[in-house]
């Protein structure tokens, strides 16, 4: 468990300060491609993961605004929500009829059928992402070239950067709730909050969370690593220091500033 976890905030408020976003914006950054022997029907659309259930979304947003400290000033737009269709995906549906529904390279030598299919019951519905089979065999350099060509042709894209400076691991109780919202659903209970000062150390707080009754903090793939790494960084900055006599201070600092990095590299090897 040796790592260096550095956290940067994403400027989400500059992108979406009103939820849900207008359906027109979704159209610009998201598409739904259906590949099959015939155009999708309403029954097919009901099995897609791209449906918007107005009541569920509205309840979730209002719950967050009422119960989550980071959503108290979020604006919920009933107008935007009403613009989403009741049936079908809220974005453009692009249909591509294939000549066959089998990939010859992936077919068994014992599979003699021309196409996969069934004459009875409901047919399984599969959604392929935009980065599907056509990109699975390409190198990272090739994928970057395709992305650059997409941008050169003025293709649509949603880009979210991050802040210039990393988030502080000191006196920042909202750090863990912001990074791991699934572990802190109310945005509360972060490490280093003022109520715990001189009562509960950050190390004891992390130990308490790791012993939580349902073990959700233990089983999470990120929390133990980040919590332990923060502890390492804090200990390394407070437990290691140099002492020098005043008359030798200038000479020592000059030697440190001009240390030969190649020598250090050889020493570590």
Protein backbone atom coordinates (compact mmCIF):
# COMPACT_ATOMS: atom_id res chain seq x y z
CA UNK A 1 0.00 0.00 0.00
CA UNK A 2 2.60 2.51 -1.13
CA UNK A 3 1.24 5.29 -3.29
CA UNK A 4 0.96 9.04 -3.61
CA UNK A 5 -2.67 10.15 -3.62
CA UNK A 6 -3.13 13.75 -4.78
CA UNK A 7 -6.68 15.08 -5.12
CA UNK A 8 -7.86 17.87 -7.42
CA UNK A 9 -11.34 19.38 -7.38
CA UNK A 10 -13.47 19.41 -10.54
CA UNK A 11 -15.23 22.71 -11.39
CA UNK A 12 -18.69 21.11 -11.55
CA UNK A 13 -20.42 24.33 -10.49
CA UNK A 14 -19.17 26.02 -13.66
CA UNK A 15 -20.69 23.24 -15.77
CA UNK A 16 -23.91 22.29 -14.01
CA UNK A 17 -25.24 24.68 -11.37
CA UNK A 18 -28.79 23.71 -12.42
CA UNK A 19 -29.95 20.08 -12.31
CA UNK A 20 -30.94 18.26 -14.37
CA UNK A 21 -29.12 19.84 -17.34
CA UNK A 22 -31.19 20.86 -20.38
CA UNK A 23 -31.89 17.98 -22.71
CA UNK A 24 -30.32 19.98 -25.57
CA UNK A 25 -26.95 19.87 -23.80
CA UNK A 26 -27.23 16.11 -23.37
CA UNK A 27 -27.77 15.80 -27.12
CA UNK A 28 -24.46 17.51 -27.79
CA UNK A 29 -22.30 15.17 -25.70
CA UNK A 30 -24.16 11.84 -25.70
CA UNK A 31 -25.51 9.57 -28.44
CA UNK A 32 -27.31 6.24 -28.48
CA UNK A 33 -26.35 3.80 -31.23
CA UNK A 34 -28.52 0.75 -31.84
CA UNK A 35 -27.22 -2.11 -33.96
CA UNK A 36 -29.62 -4.89 -34.83
CA UNK A 37 -31.64 -6.61 -37.56
CA UNK A 38 -34.49 -4.06 -37.26
CA UNK A 39 -35.18 -0.67 -35.72
CA UNK A 40 -35.74 -0.67 -31.95
CA UNK A 41 -39.33 -0.67 -30.70
CA UNK A 42 -40.84 0.89 -27.56
CA UNK A 43 -40.45 -2.46 -25.82
CA UNK A 44 -36.73 -2.44 -26.70
CA UNK A 45 -36.28 1.07 -25.36
CA UNK A 46 -37.81 0.05 -22.03
CA UNK A 47 -34.86 -2.28 -21.51
CA UNK A 48 -32.18 0.35 -22.16
CA UNK A 49 -30.21 1.99 -19.33
CA UNK A 50 -30.68 5.46 -20.87
CA UNK A 51 -34.21 6.16 -19.68
CA UNK A 52 -35.16 9.11 -17.45
CA UNK A 53 -37.84 8.38 -14.86
CA UNK A 54 -39.01 11.87 -13.93
CA UNK A 55 -40.35 10.98 -10.49
CA UNK A 56 -37.20 9.08 -9.47
CA UNK A 57 -34.88 11.87 -10.64
CA UNK A 58 -36.99 14.55 -8.97
CA UNK A 59 -37.10 12.67 -5.66
CA UNK A 60 -33.34 12.06 -5.76
CA UNK A 61 -32.53 15.73 -6.43
CA UNK A 62 -34.87 17.00 -3.73
CA UNK A 63 -33.47 14.47 -1.26
CA UNK A 64 -29.92 15.64 -2.00
CA UNK A 65 -30.88 19.31 -1.67
CA UNK A 66 -32.56 18.64 1.70
CA UNK A 67 -30.08 16.15 3.17
CA UNK A 68 -26.66 16.70 1.54
CA UNK A 69 -24.63 19.71 2.69
CA UNK A 70 -23.00 20.21 -0.74
CA UNK A 71 -26.35 20.41 -2.59
CA UNK A 72 -28.17 22.97 -0.43
CA UNK A 73 -27.64 25.79 -2.97
CA UNK A 74 -28.30 23.62 -6.07
CA UNK A 75 -31.13 24.83 -8.32
CA UNK A 76 -33.58 22.13 -9.39
CA UNK A 77 -35.21 22.89 -12.73
CA UNK A 78 -38.67 21.36 -13.18
CA UNK A 79 -38.70 22.83 -16.70
CA UNK A 80 -35.54 20.96 -17.70
CA UNK A 81 -36.82 17.74 -16.19
CA UNK A 82 -40.14 18.05 -18.04
CA UNK A 83 -38.26 18.37 -21.33
CA UNK A 84 -36.97 14.80 -21.04
CA UNK A 85 -39.16 12.26 -22.86
CA UNK A 86 -41.20 9.74 -20.89
CA UNK A 87 -40.32 6.95 -23.33
CA UNK A 88 -37.08 6.34 -25.18
CA UNK A 89 -33.57 7.71 -24.54
CA UNK A 90 -33.28 11.50 -24.04
CA UNK A 91 -30.67 11.75 -26.81
CA UNK A 92 -30.39 11.09 -30.54
CA UNK A 93 -30.95 7.47 -31.54
CA UNK A 94 -28.75 6.42 -34.46
CA UNK A 95 -29.70 3.13 -36.10
CA UNK A 96 -27.19 1.13 -38.16
CA UNK A 97 -28.63 -2.00 -39.88
CA UNK A 98 -25.97 -4.75 -39.98
CA UNK A 99 -25.70 -7.34 -42.72
CA UNK A 100 -25.15 -10.10 -40.12
CA UNK A 101 -25.36 -10.16 -36.35
CA UNK A 102 -22.35 -12.45 -35.97
CA UNK A 103 -18.66 -11.69 -35.92
CA UNK A 104 -17.03 -14.44 -38.08
CA UNK A 105 -13.73 -14.13 -36.21
CA UNK A 106 -15.42 -14.91 -32.89
CA UNK A 107 -17.61 -17.78 -34.09
CA UNK A 108 -16.95 -21.38 -33.04
CA UNK A 109 -16.15 -23.97 -35.72
CA UNK A 110 -19.16 -25.95 -34.45
CA UNK A 111 -21.54 -22.98 -34.86
CA UNK A 112 -23.17 -23.60 -38.22
CA UNK A 113 -26.03 -21.06 -37.93
CA UNK A 114 -25.86 -18.00 -40.19
CA UNK A 115 -27.24 -15.64 -37.53
CA UNK A 116 -27.87 -15.64 -33.80
CA UNK A 117 -31.51 -15.34 -32.81
CA UNK A 118 -34.57 -16.98 -31.32
CA UNK A 119 -38.08 -17.69 -32.54
CA UNK A 120 -39.64 -17.69 -29.06
CA UNK A 121 -39.61 -15.34 -26.09
CA UNK A 122 -37.93 -11.95 -25.73
CA UNK A 123 -34.61 -11.34 -27.42
CA UNK A 124 -31.76 -10.11 -25.15
CA UNK A 125 -30.99 -6.44 -25.66
CA UNK A 126 -27.36 -5.34 -25.67
CA UNK A 127 -26.04 -1.76 -25.61
CA UNK A 128 -22.59 -1.11 -27.04
CA UNK A 129 -20.68 2.03 -26.14
CA UNK A 130 -19.24 4.46 -28.66
CA UNK A 131 -15.77 3.03 -27.97
CA UNK A 132 -16.79 -0.50 -28.90
CA UNK A 133 -15.23 -3.31 -30.89
CA UNK A 134 -13.76 -1.03 -33.53
CA UNK A 135 -11.39 0.51 -30.93
CA UNK A 136 -10.62 -2.59 -28.86
CA UNK A 137 -7.65 -3.64 -31.01
CA UNK A 138 -6.18 -0.16 -31.51
CA UNK A 139 -3.22 1.23 -29.59
CA UNK A 140 -3.46 4.25 -27.32
CA UNK A 141 -1.56 6.34 -29.87
CA UNK A 142 -4.10 5.40 -32.59
CA UNK A 143 -7.04 6.22 -30.33
CA UNK A 144 -5.51 9.62 -29.59
CA UNK A 145 -5.15 10.25 -33.32
CA UNK A 146 -8.82 9.35 -33.86
CA UNK A 147 -9.82 11.69 -31.04
CA UNK A 148 -7.70 14.49 -32.54
CA UNK A 149 -9.34 13.95 -35.93
CA UNK A 150 -12.76 14.12 -34.23
CA UNK A 151 -11.85 17.48 -32.69
CA UNK A 152 -10.38 18.76 -35.96
CA UNK A 153 -13.70 17.99 -37.68
CA UNK A 154 -15.44 20.09 -35.01
CA UNK A 155 -16.98 17.05 -33.35
CA UNK A 156 -18.89 17.48 -30.09
CA UNK A 157 -17.13 16.78 -26.80
CA UNK A 158 -17.58 17.38 -23.08
CA UNK A 159 -14.31 18.22 -21.34
CA UNK A 160 -14.03 18.65 -17.58
CA UNK A 161 -10.67 19.76 -16.24
CA UNK A 162 -9.57 20.18 -12.66
CA UNK A 163 -8.31 22.93 -10.40
CA UNK A 164 -4.75 24.21 -10.74
CA UNK A 165 -3.80 23.39 -7.14
CA UNK A 166 -4.47 20.11 -5.29
CA UNK A 167 -6.84 19.87 -2.36
CA UNK A 168 -5.24 20.17 1.07
CA UNK A 169 -5.13 17.09 3.31
CA UNK A 170 -5.06 19.37 6.38
CA UNK A 171 -8.17 20.96 7.96
CA UNK A 172 -10.33 19.91 5.02
CA UNK A 173 -13.31 17.93 6.40
CA UNK A 174 -15.10 17.91 3.02
CA UNK A 175 -12.21 16.19 1.24
CA UNK A 176 -13.32 12.59 1.81
CA UNK A 177 -17.09 13.27 1.35
CA UNK A 178 -16.29 14.97 -1.98
CA UNK A 179 -13.99 12.17 -3.17
CA UNK A 180 -16.11 9.25 -1.95
CA UNK A 181 -19.76 10.39 -1.90
CA UNK A 182 -21.01 6.79 -1.77
CA UNK A 183 -19.41 6.43 1.69
CA UNK A 184 -20.67 9.81 2.95
CA UNK A 185 -24.19 10.10 1.42
CA UNK A 186 -25.11 13.15 3.55
CA UNK A 187 -21.82 14.96 2.91
CA UNK A 188 -21.14 14.78 6.65
CA UNK A 189 -18.73 12.82 8.81
CA UNK A 190 -15.55 13.94 7.07
CA UNK A 191 -12.14 13.58 8.70
CA UNK A 192 -10.74 16.64 10.46
CA UNK A 193 -13.99 18.45 11.31
CA UNK A 194 -13.83 21.15 13.98
CA UNK A 195 -16.20 19.27 16.32
CA UNK A 196 -13.54 16.57 16.75
CA UNK A 197 -10.66 18.90 17.61
CA UNK A 198 -8.87 17.73 20.80
CA UNK A 199 -11.48 14.93 21.07
CA UNK A 200 -10.80 12.54 18.17
CA UNK A 201 -7.63 12.41 16.10
CA UNK A 202 -7.75 11.79 12.36
CA UNK A 203 -6.02 8.44 12.84
CA UNK A 204 -8.61 7.28 15.40
CA UNK A 205 -11.42 8.57 13.16
CA UNK A 206 -10.10 6.51 10.23
CA UNK A 207 -9.77 3.48 12.49
CA UNK A 208 -13.38 3.95 13.63
CA UNK A 209 -14.61 4.15 10.01
CA UNK A 210 -12.67 1.03 9.03
CA UNK A 211 -14.42 -0.86 11.84
CA UNK A 212 -17.88 0.28 10.74
CA UNK A 213 -20.42 -2.49 11.23
CA UNK A 214 -21.16 -3.25 7.56
CA UNK A 215 -17.45 -3.02 6.58
CA UNK A 216 -18.23 -0.65 3.70
CA UNK A 217 -15.09 1.40 4.41
CA UNK A 218 -12.93 -1.74 4.55
CA UNK A 219 -14.32 -3.14 1.31
CA UNK A 220 -14.04 0.11 -0.63
CA UNK A 221 -11.06 -0.09 -3.05
CA UNK A 222 -10.06 3.56 -2.53
CA UNK A 223 -10.67 4.62 1.08
CA UNK A 224 -8.05 2.44 2.89
CA UNK A 225 -5.35 3.31 0.35
CA UNK A 226 -6.00 7.07 0.42
CA UNK A 227 -6.44 7.20 4.22
CA UNK A 228 -3.20 5.29 4.79
CA UNK A 229 -1.33 7.38 2.22
CA UNK A 230 -2.41 10.65 3.86
CA UNK A 231 -1.12 9.31 7.16
CA UNK A 232 2.25 8.51 5.54
CA UNK A 233 2.56 11.99 4.02
CA UNK A 234 1.70 13.72 7.30
CA UNK A 235 4.21 11.62 9.23
CA UNK A 236 6.95 12.21 6.66
CA UNK A 237 6.50 15.99 6.80
CA UNK A 238 6.49 16.19 10.61
CA UNK A 239 8.90 13.42 11.66
CA UNK A 240 11.82 14.18 9.30
CA UNK A 241 13.92 17.32 9.59
CA UNK A 242 17.51 18.57 9.44
CA UNK A 243 19.42 20.43 12.13
CA UNK A 244 22.38 22.65 11.38
CA UNK A 245 24.61 25.10 13.22
CA UNK A 246 24.02 28.71 12.26
CA UNK A 247 27.57 29.21 10.92
CA UNK A 248 27.17 26.21 8.57
CA UNK A 249 23.61 26.94 7.44
CA UNK A 250 24.49 28.82 4.23
CA UNK A 251 27.01 26.16 3.17
CA UNK A 252 24.56 23.28 3.85
CA UNK A 253 21.65 24.90 2.00
CA UNK A 254 23.91 25.63 -0.98
CA UNK A 255 25.00 21.98 -1.11
CA UNK A 256 21.40 20.78 -0.87
CA UNK A 257 20.25 23.07 -3.66
CA UNK A 258 23.06 21.90 -5.94
CA UNK A 259 22.98 18.20 -5.13
CA UNK A 260 23.79 15.88 -8.04
CA UNK A 261 20.56 14.06 -8.94
CA UNK A 262 22.47 11.35 -10.84
CA UNK A 263 24.35 10.45 -7.66
CA UNK A 264 21.08 10.22 -5.74
CA UNK A 265 19.65 7.98 -8.44
CA UNK A 266 22.65 5.67 -8.22
CA UNK A 267 22.32 5.54 -4.43
CA UNK A 268 18.69 4.53 -4.56
CA UNK A 269 19.53 1.75 -7.03
